Amino acid sequence: MVRRFDAFYPPVVIQALLGKRIAELRVAKGISQEKLASISGYSTEFISLVERGRNAPSVAGLARIAKGLGVEVKELFEFAKGSG
């Protein structure tokens, strides 16, 4: 069961869940952090920070990351049940 974005999550929780979701999708698709960084126009260090919930991409950056992962932006916010 997938739980979609909940507006009542504190921003720090959303950022952590988003990073975890990006990492899950990236690993499931066999894409390295380096490759995702190259595709999305970010540094590998930034992708690492995002995946660890330490930083967050812009809306335009989310679109580039989603495209690099072959998903729609909304799928980045489909958090696993029990997350957060």
N, C-alpha and C. Protein backbone atom coordinates (compact mmCIF):
# COMPACT_ATOMS: atom_id res chain seq x y z
N MET A 1 0.85 -1.18 0.00
CA MET A 1 0.00 0.00 0.00
C MET A 1 0.89 1.24 0.00
N VAL A 2 0.59 2.16 -0.86
CA VAL A 2 1.36 3.39 -0.98
C VAL A 2 0.58 4.52 -0.33
N ARG A 3 1.27 5.30 0.46
CA ARG A 3 0.65 6.47 1.07
C ARG A 3 1.15 7.69 0.33
N ARG A 4 0.24 8.48 -0.15
CA ARG A 4 0.61 9.67 -0.90
C ARG A 4 0.95 10.81 0.06
N PHE A 5 1.50 11.85 -0.50
CA PHE A 5 1.90 13.05 0.25
C PHE A 5 0.79 13.49 1.19
N ASP A 6 1.14 13.76 2.41
CA ASP A 6 0.20 14.23 3.43
C ASP A 6 0.62 15.64 3.82
N ALA A 7 -0.25 16.60 3.61
CA ALA A 7 0.07 18.01 3.86
C ALA A 7 0.38 18.27 5.33
N PHE A 8 0.10 17.32 6.20
CA PHE A 8 0.34 17.53 7.62
C PHE A 8 1.71 17.06 8.09
N TYR A 9 2.51 16.50 7.18
CA TYR A 9 3.89 16.15 7.53
C TYR A 9 4.66 17.44 7.75
N PRO A 10 5.51 17.49 8.76
CA PRO A 10 6.40 18.65 8.88
C PRO A 10 7.37 18.65 7.69
N PRO A 11 7.79 19.82 7.24
CA PRO A 11 8.69 19.89 6.07
C PRO A 11 9.93 19.01 6.19
N VAL A 12 10.51 18.91 7.37
CA VAL A 12 11.72 18.09 7.53
C VAL A 12 11.42 16.62 7.27
N VAL A 13 10.22 16.17 7.62
CA VAL A 13 9.83 14.78 7.37
C VAL A 13 9.61 14.56 5.88
N ILE A 14 8.96 15.51 5.22
CA ILE A 14 8.75 15.41 3.77
C ILE A 14 10.10 15.33 3.06
N GLN A 15 11.03 16.17 3.47
CA GLN A 15 12.36 16.18 2.85
C GLN A 15 13.04 14.82 3.02
N ALA A 16 12.95 14.24 4.21
CA ALA A 16 13.57 12.93 4.46
C ALA A 16 12.89 11.83 3.65
N LEU A 17 11.56 11.84 3.61
CA LEU A 17 10.81 10.84 2.85
C LEU A 17 11.08 10.96 1.35
N LEU A 18 11.16 12.19 0.87
CA LEU A 18 11.45 12.43 -0.53
C LEU A 18 12.83 11.87 -0.89
N GLY A 19 13.81 12.14 -0.07
CA GLY A 19 15.15 11.63 -0.33
C GLY A 19 15.20 10.12 -0.34
N LYS A 20 14.51 9.52 0.61
CA LYS A 20 14.46 8.05 0.68
C LYS A 20 13.79 7.49 -0.56
N ARG A 21 12.72 8.13 -1.00
CA ARG A 21 11.99 7.66 -2.18
C ARG A 21 12.85 7.78 -3.45
N ILE A 22 13.56 8.88 -3.59
CA ILE A 22 14.44 9.05 -4.75
C ILE A 22 15.50 7.95 -4.75
N ALA A 23 16.09 7.69 -3.59
CA ALA A 23 17.11 6.63 -3.50
C ALA A 23 16.51 5.27 -3.85
N GLU A 24 15.30 4.98 -3.34
CA GLU A 24 14.65 3.70 -3.64
C GLU A 24 14.42 3.53 -5.14
N LEU A 25 13.90 4.56 -5.77
CA LEU A 25 13.64 4.49 -7.22
C LEU A 25 14.94 4.35 -8.00
N ARG A 26 15.95 5.11 -7.60
CA ARG A 26 17.23 5.07 -8.30
C ARG A 26 17.85 3.67 -8.22
N VAL A 27 17.87 3.10 -7.04
CA VAL A 27 18.46 1.76 -6.86
C VAL A 27 17.64 0.71 -7.62
N ALA A 28 16.31 0.81 -7.54
CA ALA A 28 15.44 -0.15 -8.23
C ALA A 28 15.66 -0.13 -9.74
N LYS A 29 16.02 1.02 -10.27
CA LYS A 29 16.24 1.15 -11.71
C LYS A 29 17.70 0.94 -12.10
N GLY A 30 18.55 0.66 -11.11
CA GLY A 30 19.95 0.39 -11.40
C GLY A 30 20.74 1.60 -11.87
N ILE A 31 20.36 2.77 -11.38
CA ILE A 31 21.02 4.01 -11.77
C ILE A 31 21.94 4.45 -10.63
N SER A 32 23.16 4.79 -10.95
CA SER A 32 24.10 5.27 -9.93
C SER A 32 23.79 6.73 -9.57
N GLN A 33 24.29 7.15 -8.41
CA GLN A 33 24.15 8.56 -8.05
C GLN A 33 24.84 9.44 -9.08
N GLU A 34 25.96 8.98 -9.58
CA GLU A 34 26.70 9.75 -10.58
C GLU A 34 25.88 9.95 -11.85
N LYS A 35 25.23 8.89 -12.30
CA LYS A 35 24.42 8.96 -13.51
C LYS A 35 23.21 9.88 -13.30
N LEU A 36 22.53 9.73 -12.16
CA LEU A 36 21.37 10.59 -11.87
C LEU A 36 21.81 12.04 -11.79
N ALA A 37 22.97 12.29 -11.19
CA ALA A 37 23.48 13.65 -11.10
C ALA A 37 23.71 14.22 -12.49
N SER A 38 24.32 13.43 -13.34
CA SER A 38 24.60 13.87 -14.72
C SER A 38 23.31 14.18 -15.47
N ILE A 39 22.34 13.31 -15.35
CA ILE A 39 21.06 13.48 -16.05
C ILE A 39 20.31 14.72 -15.55
N SER A 40 20.35 14.92 -14.23
CA SER A 40 19.54 15.98 -13.63
C SER A 40 20.25 17.34 -13.54
N GLY A 41 21.54 17.35 -13.84
CA GLY A 41 22.27 18.61 -13.78
C GLY A 41 22.72 18.99 -12.38
N TYR A 42 22.71 18.05 -11.47
CA TYR A 42 23.20 18.28 -10.12
C TYR A 42 24.53 17.57 -9.93
N SER A 43 25.22 17.91 -8.86
CA SER A 43 26.45 17.20 -8.52
C SER A 43 26.10 15.89 -7.80
N THR A 44 27.01 14.96 -7.82
CA THR A 44 26.82 13.71 -7.08
C THR A 44 26.66 14.01 -5.60
N GLU A 45 27.39 14.97 -5.10
CA GLU A 45 27.30 15.34 -3.69
C GLU A 45 25.90 15.84 -3.34
N PHE A 46 25.30 16.62 -4.24
CA PHE A 46 23.96 17.13 -3.98
C PHE A 46 22.95 15.98 -3.98
N ILE A 47 23.06 15.06 -4.93
CA ILE A 47 22.15 13.91 -4.96
C ILE A 47 22.28 13.12 -3.66
N SER A 48 23.49 12.94 -3.19
CA SER A 48 23.71 12.25 -1.92
C SER A 48 23.04 12.98 -0.77
N LEU A 49 23.17 14.30 -0.73
CA LEU A 49 22.53 15.09 0.32
C LEU A 49 21.01 14.97 0.26
N VAL A 50 20.46 14.99 -0.93
CA VAL A 50 19.01 14.85 -1.11
C VAL A 50 18.56 13.49 -0.60
N GLU A 51 19.26 12.43 -1.01
CA GLU A 51 18.87 11.08 -0.62
C GLU A 51 18.97 10.86 0.89
N ARG A 52 19.84 11.61 1.54
CA ARG A 52 19.96 11.50 2.99
C ARG A 52 19.05 12.48 3.73
N GLY A 53 18.24 13.23 2.98
CA GLY A 53 17.30 14.16 3.60
C GLY A 53 17.93 15.42 4.14
N ARG A 54 19.14 15.72 3.69
CA ARG A 54 19.87 16.90 4.17
C ARG A 54 19.63 18.14 3.31
N ASN A 55 19.14 17.93 2.10
CA ASN A 55 18.89 19.04 1.18
C ASN A 55 17.72 18.63 0.29
N ALA A 56 17.17 19.59 -0.43
CA ALA A 56 16.05 19.29 -1.32
C ALA A 56 16.21 20.05 -2.63
N PRO A 57 15.85 19.41 -3.73
CA PRO A 57 15.93 20.08 -5.02
C PRO A 57 14.79 21.08 -5.20
N SER A 58 14.97 21.97 -6.15
CA SER A 58 13.90 22.90 -6.53
C SER A 58 12.80 22.12 -7.24
N VAL A 59 11.71 22.78 -7.52
CA VAL A 59 10.63 22.14 -8.28
C VAL A 59 11.13 21.74 -9.66
N ALA A 60 11.88 22.62 -10.31
CA ALA A 60 12.45 22.29 -11.62
C ALA A 60 13.42 21.12 -11.49
N GLY A 61 14.18 21.09 -10.40
CA GLY A 61 15.10 19.98 -10.15
C GLY A 61 14.36 18.67 -9.93
N LEU A 62 13.23 18.73 -9.23
CA LEU A 62 12.42 17.52 -9.05
C LEU A 62 11.98 16.97 -10.40
N ALA A 63 11.62 17.86 -11.31
CA ALA A 63 11.20 17.43 -12.64
C ALA A 63 12.35 16.76 -13.38
N ARG A 64 13.55 17.30 -13.26
CA ARG A 64 14.72 16.70 -13.91
C ARG A 64 15.07 15.35 -13.28
N ILE A 65 14.98 15.26 -11.97
CA ILE A 65 15.26 13.99 -11.28
C ILE A 65 14.23 12.95 -11.68
N ALA A 66 12.95 13.33 -11.68
CA ALA A 66 11.90 12.39 -12.08
C ALA A 66 12.13 11.90 -13.51
N LYS A 67 12.46 12.80 -14.41
CA LYS A 67 12.73 12.41 -15.80
C LYS A 67 13.89 11.44 -15.87
N GLY A 68 14.94 11.72 -15.11
CA GLY A 68 16.10 10.84 -15.07
C GLY A 68 15.78 9.45 -14.54
N LEU A 69 14.80 9.39 -13.65
CA LEU A 69 14.37 8.11 -13.08
C LEU A 69 13.29 7.43 -13.92
N GLY A 70 12.78 8.15 -14.92
CA GLY A 70 11.73 7.59 -15.76
C GLY A 70 10.38 7.50 -15.08
N VAL A 71 10.11 8.47 -14.19
CA VAL A 71 8.83 8.49 -13.47
C VAL A 71 8.23 9.89 -13.55
N GLU A 72 6.99 10.01 -13.16
CA GLU A 72 6.35 11.32 -13.05
C GLU A 72 6.72 11.92 -11.70
N VAL A 73 6.71 13.24 -11.60
CA VAL A 73 7.07 13.91 -10.35
C VAL A 73 6.22 13.40 -9.19
N LYS A 74 4.95 13.18 -9.43
CA LYS A 74 4.06 12.74 -8.35
C LYS A 74 4.52 11.43 -7.73
N GLU A 75 5.20 10.59 -8.51
CA GLU A 75 5.67 9.31 -7.99
C GLU A 75 6.79 9.49 -6.97
N LEU A 76 7.46 10.62 -6.99
CA LEU A 76 8.49 10.88 -5.99
C LEU A 76 7.88 11.07 -4.61
N PHE A 77 6.59 11.37 -4.57
CA PHE A 77 5.89 11.62 -3.31
C PHE A 77 4.99 10.46 -2.90
N GLU A 78 5.16 9.31 -3.51
CA GLU A 78 4.41 8.12 -3.14
C GLU A 78 5.25 7.35 -2.14
N PHE A 79 5.06 7.68 -0.87
CA PHE A 79 5.85 7.10 0.18
C PHE A 79 5.24 5.78 0.65
N ALA A 80 6.10 4.85 1.03
CA ALA A 80 5.63 3.54 1.50
C ALA A 80 4.81 3.70 2.77
N LYS A 81 3.82 2.85 2.92
CA LYS A 81 2.97 2.88 4.11
C LYS A 81 3.86 2.66 5.33
N GLY A 82 3.62 3.46 6.34
CA GLY A 82 4.42 3.35 7.55
C GLY A 82 5.60 4.29 7.58
N SER A 83 5.86 4.97 6.46
CA SER A 83 6.95 5.95 6.43
C SER A 83 6.52 7.20 7.17
N GLY A 84 7.48 7.84 7.79
CA GLY A 84 7.21 9.12 8.44
C GLY A 84 6.52 8.96 9.71
